[in-house]
PDB file of all heavy atoms in Angstrom:
ATOM      1  N   LEU A   1     123.211  81.150 163.490  1.00  0.00           N
ATOM      2  CA  LEU A   1     122.412  80.641 162.385  1.00  0.00           C
ATOM      3  C   LEU A   1     120.971  80.767 162.849  1.00  0.00           C
ATOM      4  O   LEU A   1     120.581  80.184 163.862  1.00  0.00           O
ATOM      5  CB  LEU A   1     122.737  79.184 162.076  1.00  0.00           C
ATOM      6  CG  LEU A   1     121.871  78.525 161.002  1.00  0.00           C
ATOM      7  CD1 LEU A   1     122.046  79.241 159.666  1.00  0.00           C
ATOM      8  CD2 LEU A   1     122.214  77.058 160.881  1.00  0.00           C
ATOM      9  N   ILE A   2     120.178  81.558 162.160  1.00  0.00           N
ATOM     10  CA  ILE A   2     118.803  81.845 162.561  1.00  0.00           C
ATOM     11  C   ILE A   2     117.867  81.158 161.571  1.00  0.00           C
ATOM     12  O   ILE A   2     117.951  81.388 160.366  1.00  0.00           O
ATOM     13  CB  ILE A   2     118.540  83.355 162.582  1.00  0.00           C
ATOM     14  CG1 ILE A   2     119.521  84.024 163.545  1.00  0.00           C
ATOM     15  CG2 ILE A   2     117.091  83.646 162.943  1.00  0.00           C
ATOM     16  CD1 ILE A   2     119.590  85.523 163.410  1.00  0.00           C
ATOM     17  N   ILE A   3     117.002  80.308 162.096  1.00  0.00           N
ATOM     18  CA  ILE A   3     116.036  79.594 161.266  1.00  0.00           C
ATOM     19  C   ILE A   3     114.650  79.968 161.749  1.00  0.00           C
ATOM     20  O   ILE A   3     114.341  79.825 162.940  1.00  0.00           O
ATOM     21  CB  ILE A   3     116.236  78.071 161.360  1.00  0.00           C
ATOM     22  CG1 ILE A   3     117.652  77.708 160.901  1.00  0.00           C
ATOM     23  CG2 ILE A   3     115.179  77.339 160.538  1.00  0.00           C
ATOM     24  CD1 ILE A   3     118.018  76.269 161.138  1.00  0.00           C
ATOM     25  N   ARG A   4     113.814  80.434 160.851  1.00  0.00           N
ATOM     26  CA  ARG A   4     112.437  80.810 161.203  1.00  0.00           C
ATOM     27  C   ARG A   4     111.501  79.737 160.667  1.00  0.00           C
ATOM     28  O   ARG A   4     111.548  79.388 159.487  1.00  0.00           O
ATOM     29  CB  ARG A   4     112.095  82.154 160.598  1.00  0.00           C
ATOM     30  CG  ARG A   4     110.704  82.589 160.931  1.00  0.00           C
ATOM     31  CD  ARG A   4     110.420  83.945 160.359  1.00  0.00           C
ATOM     32  NE  ARG A   4     109.040  84.299 160.634  1.00  0.00           N
ATOM     33  CZ  ARG A   4     108.584  85.516 160.632  1.00  0.00           C
ATOM     34  NH1 ARG A   4     109.397  86.518 160.360  1.00  0.00           N
ATOM     35  NH2 ARG A   4     107.330  85.752 160.881  1.00  0.00           N
ATOM     36  N   VAL A   5     110.655  79.242 161.546  1.00  0.00           N
ATOM     37  CA  VAL A   5     109.698  78.202 161.184  1.00  0.00           C
ATOM     38  C   VAL A   5     108.304  78.700 161.510  1.00  0.00           C
ATOM     39  O   VAL A   5     108.055  79.198 162.612  1.00  0.00           O
ATOM     40  CB  VAL A   5     109.975  76.888 161.954  1.00  0.00           C
ATOM     41  CG1 VAL A   5     108.943  75.842 161.609  1.00  0.00           C
ATOM     42  CG2 VAL A   5     111.381  76.391 161.674  1.00  0.00           C
ATOM     43  N   GLU A   6     107.383  78.581 160.564  1.00  0.00           N
ATOM     44  CA  GLU A   6     105.984  78.945 160.792  1.00  0.00           C
ATOM     45  C   GLU A   6     105.123  77.736 160.485  1.00  0.00           C
ATOM     46  O   GLU A   6     105.415  76.976 159.568  1.00  0.00           O
ATOM     47  CB  GLU A   6     105.566  80.089 159.873  1.00  0.00           C
ATOM     48  CG  GLU A   6     106.285  81.389 160.161  1.00  0.00           C
ATOM     49  CD  GLU A   6     105.835  82.499 159.242  1.00  0.00           C
ATOM     50  OE1 GLU A   6     104.713  82.419 158.693  1.00  0.00           O
ATOM     51  OE2 GLU A   6     106.600  83.452 159.062  1.00  0.00           O
ATOM     52  N   ASP A   7     104.071  77.573 161.265  1.00  0.00           N
ATOM     53  CA  ASP A   7     103.119  76.511 160.965  1.00  0.00           C
ATOM     54  C   ASP A   7     101.719  76.951 161.363  1.00  0.00           C
ATOM     55  O   ASP A   7     101.524  78.015 161.923  1.00  0.00           O
ATOM     56  CB  ASP A   7     103.506  75.187 161.632  1.00  0.00           C
ATOM     57  CG  ASP A   7     103.353  75.194 163.137  1.00  0.00           C
ATOM     58  OD1 ASP A   7     102.808  76.159 163.704  1.00  0.00           O
ATOM     59  OD2 ASP A   7     103.782  74.225 163.758  1.00  0.00           O
ATOM     60  N   GLN A   8     100.770  76.137 161.060  1.00  0.00           N
ATOM     61  CA  GLN A   8      99.372  76.420 161.380  1.00  0.00           C
ATOM     62  C   GLN A   8      98.912  75.567 162.560  1.00  0.00           C
ATOM     63  O   GLN A   8      97.732  75.314 162.731  1.00  0.00           O
ATOM     64  CB  GLN A   8      98.485  76.155 160.151  1.00  0.00           C
ATOM     65  CG  GLN A   8      98.829  77.000 158.951  1.00  0.00           C
ATOM     66  CD  GLN A   8      98.668  78.484 159.224  1.00  0.00           C
ATOM     67  OE1 GLN A   8      97.697  78.902 159.836  1.00  0.00           O
ATOM     68  NE2 GLN A   8      99.630  79.281 158.782  1.00  0.00           N
ATOM     69  N   GLY A   9      99.856  75.128 163.356  1.00  0.00           N
ATOM     70  CA  GLY A   9      99.552  74.258 164.486  1.00  0.00           C
ATOM     71  C   GLY A   9      98.799  74.963 165.596  1.00  0.00           C
ATOM     72  O   GLY A   9      98.548  76.163 165.551  1.00  0.00           O
ATOM     73  N   LEU A  10      98.480  74.216 166.617  1.00  0.00           N
ATOM     74  CA  LEU A  10      97.721  74.738 167.749  1.00  0.00           C
ATOM     75  C   LEU A  10      98.576  74.796 169.005  1.00  0.00           C
ATOM     76  O   LEU A  10      98.061  74.715 170.117  1.00  0.00           O
ATOM     77  CB  LEU A  10      96.499  73.836 167.992  1.00  0.00           C
ATOM     78  CG  LEU A  10      95.536  73.729 166.815  1.00  0.00           C
ATOM     79  CD1 LEU A  10      94.462  72.693 167.101  1.00  0.00           C
ATOM     80  CD2 LEU A  10      94.915  75.073 166.510  1.00  0.00           C
ATOM     81  N   GLY A  11      99.862  74.960 168.841  1.00  0.00           N
ATOM     82  CA  GLY A  11     100.776  74.891 169.972  1.00  0.00           C
ATOM     83  C   GLY A  11     100.803  76.093 170.891  1.00  0.00           C
ATOM     84  O   GLY A  11     101.392  76.048 171.956  1.00  0.00           O
ATOM     85  N   MET A  12     100.177  77.210 170.496  1.00  0.00           N
ATOM     86  CA  MET A  12     100.219  78.410 171.333  1.00  0.00           C
ATOM     87  C   MET A  12      98.858  79.076 171.353  1.00  0.00           C
ATOM     88  O   MET A  12      98.122  79.033 170.384  1.00  0.00           O
ATOM     89  CB  MET A  12     101.211  79.424 170.770  1.00  0.00           C
ATOM     90  CG  MET A  12     102.614  78.958 170.667  1.00  0.00           C
ATOM     91  SD  MET A  12     103.648  80.334 170.211  1.00  0.00           S
ATOM     92  CE  MET A  12     104.701  80.339 171.619  1.00  0.00           C
ATOM     93  N   HIS A  13      98.582  79.739 172.470  1.00  0.00           N
ATOM     94  CA  HIS A  13      97.407  80.597 172.549  1.00  0.00           C
ATOM     95  C   HIS A  13      97.761  81.901 171.849  1.00  0.00           C
ATOM     96  O   HIS A  13      98.743  82.549 172.215  1.00  0.00           O
ATOM     97  CB  HIS A  13      97.039  80.886 174.006  1.00  0.00           C
ATOM     98  CG  HIS A  13      96.540  79.690 174.740  1.00  0.00           C
ATOM     99  ND1 HIS A  13      95.242  79.248 174.635  1.00  0.00           N
ATOM    100  CD2 HIS A  13      97.156  78.837 175.594  1.00  0.00           C
ATOM    101  CE1 HIS A  13      95.077  78.179 175.396  1.00  0.00           C
ATOM    102  NE2 HIS A  13      96.238  77.896 175.980  1.00  0.00           N
ATOM    103  N   LYS A  14      96.992  82.285 170.841  1.00  0.00           N
ATOM    104  CA  LYS A  14      97.330  83.500 170.083  1.00  0.00           C
ATOM    105  C   LYS A  14      97.320  84.757 170.939  1.00  0.00           C
ATOM    106  O   LYS A  14      98.149  85.630 170.779  1.00  0.00           O
ATOM    107  CB  LYS A  14      96.379  83.659 168.905  1.00  0.00           C
ATOM    108  CG  LYS A  14      96.663  82.697 167.797  1.00  0.00           C
ATOM    109  CD  LYS A  14      95.856  83.027 166.573  1.00  0.00           C
ATOM    110  CE  LYS A  14      96.234  82.062 165.458  1.00  0.00           C
ATOM    111  NZ  LYS A  14      95.596  82.395 164.204  1.00  0.00           N
ATOM    112  N   ALA A  15      96.381  84.851 171.862  1.00  0.00           N
ATOM    113  CA  ALA A  15      96.255  86.068 172.668  1.00  0.00           C
ATOM    114  C   ALA A  15      97.405  86.244 173.655  1.00  0.00           C
ATOM    115  O   ALA A  15      97.898  87.346 173.858  1.00  0.00           O
ATOM    116  CB  ALA A  15      94.921  86.066 173.407  1.00  0.00           C
ATOM    117  N   THR A  16      97.857  85.157 174.270  1.00  0.00           N
ATOM    118  CA  THR A  16      98.862  85.276 175.332  1.00  0.00           C
ATOM    119  C   THR A  16     100.249  84.800 174.934  1.00  0.00           C
ATOM    120  O   THR A  16     101.230  85.150 175.570  1.00  0.00           O
ATOM    121  CB  THR A  16      98.430  84.456 176.562  1.00  0.00           C
ATOM    122  OG1 THR A  16      98.418  83.074 176.202  1.00  0.00           O
ATOM    123  CG2 THR A  16      97.069  84.886 177.067  1.00  0.00           C
ATOM    124  N   GLY A  17     100.341  83.954 173.915  1.00  0.00           N
ATOM    125  CA  GLY A  17     101.628  83.389 173.526  1.00  0.00           C
ATOM    126  C   GLY A  17     102.035  82.214 174.380  1.00  0.00           C
ATOM    127  O   GLY A  17     103.098  81.648 174.190  1.00  0.00           O
ATOM    128  N   ALA A  18     101.181  81.838 175.352  1.00  0.00           N
ATOM    129  CA  ALA A  18     101.488  80.706 176.220  1.00  0.00           C
ATOM    130  C   ALA A  18     101.381  79.404 175.434  1.00  0.00           C
ATOM    131  O   ALA A  18     100.518  79.251 174.575  1.00  0.00           O
ATOM    132  CB  ALA A  18     100.521  80.676 177.402  1.00  0.00           C
ATOM    133  N   GLU A  19     102.280  78.492 175.733  1.00  0.00           N
ATOM    134  CA  GLU A  19     102.245  77.192 175.064  1.00  0.00           C
ATOM    135  C   GLU A  19     101.095  76.361 175.602  1.00  0.00           C
ATOM    136  O   GLU A  19     100.825  76.340 176.791  1.00  0.00           O
ATOM    137  CB  GLU A  19     103.562  76.447 175.282  1.00  0.00           C
ATOM    138  CG  GLU A  19     104.718  77.100 174.571  1.00  0.00           C
ATOM    139  CD  GLU A  19     106.019  76.366 174.798  1.00  0.00           C
ATOM    140  OE1 GLU A  19     105.989  75.130 174.964  1.00  0.00           O
ATOM    141  OE2 GLU A  19     107.058  77.028 174.815  1.00  0.00           O
ATOM    142  N   ARG A  20     100.420  75.670 174.696  1.00  0.00           N
ATOM    143  CA  ARG A  20      99.342  74.773 175.096  1.00  0.00           C
ATOM    144  C   ARG A  20      99.934  73.428 175.476  1.00  0.00           C
ATOM    145  O   ARG A  20     100.924  72.987 174.907  1.00  0.00           O
ATOM    146  CB  ARG A  20      98.363  74.566 173.941  1.00  0.00           C
ATOM    147  CG  ARG A  20      97.638  75.804 173.541  1.00  0.00           C
ATOM    148  CD  ARG A  20      96.731  75.494 172.354  1.00  0.00           C
ATOM    149  NE  ARG A  20      96.259  76.723 171.765  1.00  0.00           N
ATOM    150  CZ  ARG A  20      94.989  77.055 171.694  1.00  0.00           C
ATOM    151  NH1 ARG A  20      94.064  76.249 172.154  1.00  0.00           N
ATOM    152  NH2 ARG A  20      94.625  78.193 171.147  1.00  0.00           N
ATOM    153  N   GLN A  21      99.314  72.786 176.425  1.00  0.00           N
ATOM    154  CA  GLN A  21      99.725  71.444 176.818  1.00  0.00           C
ATOM    155  C   GLN A  21      99.022  70.455 175.901  1.00  0.00           C
ATOM    156  O   GLN A  21      97.807  70.432 175.828  1.00  0.00           O
ATOM    157  CB  GLN A  21      99.357  71.174 178.281  1.00  0.00           C
ATOM    158  CG  GLN A  21     100.065  72.107 179.258  1.00  0.00           C
ATOM    159  CD  GLN A  21     101.574  71.982 179.189  1.00  0.00           C
ATOM    160  OE1 GLN A  21     102.115  70.884 179.142  1.00  0.00           O
ATOM    161  NE2 GLN A  21     102.263  73.107 179.171  1.00  0.00           N
ATOM    162  N   GLY A  22      99.775  69.664 175.183  1.00  0.00           N
ATOM    163  CA  GLY A  22      99.192  68.719 174.243  1.00  0.00           C
ATOM    164  C   GLY A  22      99.827  67.355 174.377  1.00  0.00           C
ATOM    165  O   GLY A  22     100.546  67.069 175.327  1.00  0.00           O
ATOM    166  N   THR A  23      99.574  66.544 173.393  1.00  0.00           N
ATOM    167  CA  THR A  23     100.109  65.186 173.416  1.00  0.00           C
ATOM    168  C   THR A  23     101.427  65.065 172.664  1.00  0.00           C
ATOM    169  O   THR A  23     102.087  64.048 172.766  1.00  0.00           O
ATOM    170  CB  THR A  23      99.095  64.215 172.807  1.00  0.00           C
ATOM    171  OG1 THR A  23      98.816  64.641 171.468  1.00  0.00           O
ATOM    172  CG2 THR A  23      97.809  64.192 173.611  1.00  0.00           C
ATOM    173  N   GLY A  24     101.803  66.104 171.918  1.00  0.00           N
ATOM    174  CA  GLY A  24     103.028  66.043 171.137  1.00  0.00           C
ATOM    175  C   GLY A  24     104.234  66.559 171.903  1.00  0.00           C
ATOM    176  O   GLY A  24     104.144  66.947 173.064  1.00  0.00           O
ATOM    177  N   PHE A  25     105.377  66.583 171.227  1.00  0.00           N
ATOM    178  CA  PHE A  25     106.614  67.042 171.836  1.00  0.00           C
ATOM    179  C   PHE A  25     107.003  68.431 171.344  1.00  0.00           C
ATOM    180  O   PHE A  25     107.708  69.138 172.025  1.00  0.00           O
ATOM    181  CB  PHE A  25     107.747  66.051 171.585  1.00  0.00           C
ATOM    182  CG  PHE A  25     107.506  64.721 172.243  1.00  0.00           C
ATOM    183  CD1 PHE A  25     107.046  63.657 171.514  1.00  0.00           C
ATOM    184  CD2 PHE A  25     107.712  64.576 173.592  1.00  0.00           C
ATOM    185  CE1 PHE A  25     106.809  62.445 172.116  1.00  0.00           C
ATOM    186  CE2 PHE A  25     107.468  63.369 174.216  1.00  0.00           C
ATOM    187  CZ  PHE A  25     107.014  62.296 173.468  1.00  0.00           C
ATOM    188  N   GLY A  26     106.583  68.791 170.172  1.00  0.00           N
ATOM    189  CA  GLY A  26     106.729  70.127 169.607  1.00  0.00           C
ATOM    190  C   GLY A  26     107.910  70.940 170.073  1.00  0.00           C
ATOM    191  O   GLY A  26     109.061  70.563 169.930  1.00  0.00           O
ATOM    192  N   LEU A  27     107.598  72.114 170.647  1.00  0.00           N
ATOM    193  CA  LEU A  27     108.635  73.065 171.028  1.00  0.00           C
ATOM    194  C   LEU A  27     109.553  72.548 172.125  1.00  0.00           C
ATOM    195  O   LEU A  27     110.740  72.869 172.139  1.00  0.00           O
ATOM    196  CB  LEU A  27     107.999  74.385 171.461  1.00  0.00           C
ATOM    197  CG  LEU A  27     107.371  75.203 170.343  1.00  0.00           C
ATOM    198  CD1 LEU A  27     106.610  76.385 170.922  1.00  0.00           C
ATOM    199  CD2 LEU A  27     108.425  75.670 169.364  1.00  0.00           C
ATOM    200  N   SER A  28     109.039  71.771 173.042  1.00  0.00           N
ATOM    201  CA  SER A  28     109.907  71.262 174.106  1.00  0.00           C
ATOM    202  C   SER A  28     111.001  70.369 173.533  1.00  0.00           C
ATOM    203  O   SER A  28     112.149  70.399 173.982  1.00  0.00           O
ATOM    204  CB  SER A  28     109.106  70.524 175.182  1.00  0.00           C
ATOM    205  OG  SER A  28     108.448  69.402 174.637  1.00  0.00           O
ATOM    206  N   SER A  29     110.678  69.599 172.515  1.00  0.00           N
ATOM    207  CA  SER A  29     111.672  68.751 171.870  1.00  0.00           C
ATOM    208  C   SER A  29     112.701  69.589 171.113  1.00  0.00           C
ATOM    209  O   SER A  29     113.905  69.327 171.192  1.00  0.00           O
ATOM    210  CB  SER A  29     110.980  67.780 170.906  1.00  0.00           C
ATOM    211  OG  SER A  29     111.923  66.995 170.227  1.00  0.00           O
ATOM    212  N   VAL A  30     112.233  70.597 170.418  1.00  0.00           N
ATOM    213  CA  VAL A  30     113.143  71.485 169.684  1.00  0.00           C
ATOM    214  C   VAL A  30     114.078  72.193 170.661  1.00  0.00           C
ATOM    215  O   VAL A  30     115.285  72.254 170.441  1.00  0.00           O
ATOM    216  CB  VAL A  30     112.344  72.514 168.850  1.00  0.00           C
ATOM    217  CG1 VAL A  30     113.260  73.581 168.279  1.00  0.00           C
ATOM    218  CG2 VAL A  30     111.570  71.819 167.755  1.00  0.00           C
ATOM    219  N   ARG A  31     113.525  72.702 171.746  1.00  0.00           N
ATOM    220  CA  ARG A  31     114.357  73.397 172.746  1.00  0.00           C
ATOM    221  C   ARG A  31     115.427  72.475 173.322  1.00  0.00           C
ATOM    222  O   ARG A  31     116.576  72.860 173.492  1.00  0.00           O
ATOM    223  CB  ARG A  31     113.483  73.938 173.869  1.00  0.00           C
ATOM    224  CG  ARG A  31     112.744  75.181 173.493  1.00  0.00           C
ATOM    225  CD  ARG A  31     112.089  75.817 174.718  1.00  0.00           C
ATOM    226  NE  ARG A  31     111.389  77.017 174.314  1.00  0.00           N
ATOM    227  CZ  ARG A  31     110.083  77.104 174.167  1.00  0.00           C
ATOM    228  NH1 ARG A  31     109.315  76.073 174.419  1.00  0.00           N
ATOM    229  NH2 ARG A  31     109.529  78.231 173.773  1.00  0.00           N
ATOM    230  N   GLU A  32     115.042  71.266 173.646  1.00  0.00           N
ATOM    231  CA  GLU A  32     115.994  70.311 174.227  1.00  0.00           C
ATOM    232  C   GLU A  32     117.113  69.980 173.239  1.00  0.00           C
ATOM    233  O   GLU A  32     118.292  69.964 173.602  1.00  0.00           O
ATOM    234  CB  GLU A  32     115.278  69.039 174.655  1.00  0.00           C
ATOM    235  CG  GLU A  32     116.192  67.967 175.206  1.00  0.00           C
ATOM    236  CD  GLU A  32     116.961  68.371 176.449  1.00  0.00           C
ATOM    237  OE1 GLU A  32     116.528  69.302 177.155  1.00  0.00           O
ATOM    238  OE2 GLU A  32     118.019  67.758 176.722  1.00  0.00           O
TER     239      GLU A  32
END
């Protein structure tokens, strides 16, 4: 089951794709 989610958040550096360290749980919570 493939779900695609897009947002306008600031969770990634556009140039490198590296995740930014922030105060939220975002992708780490989804992955877990």
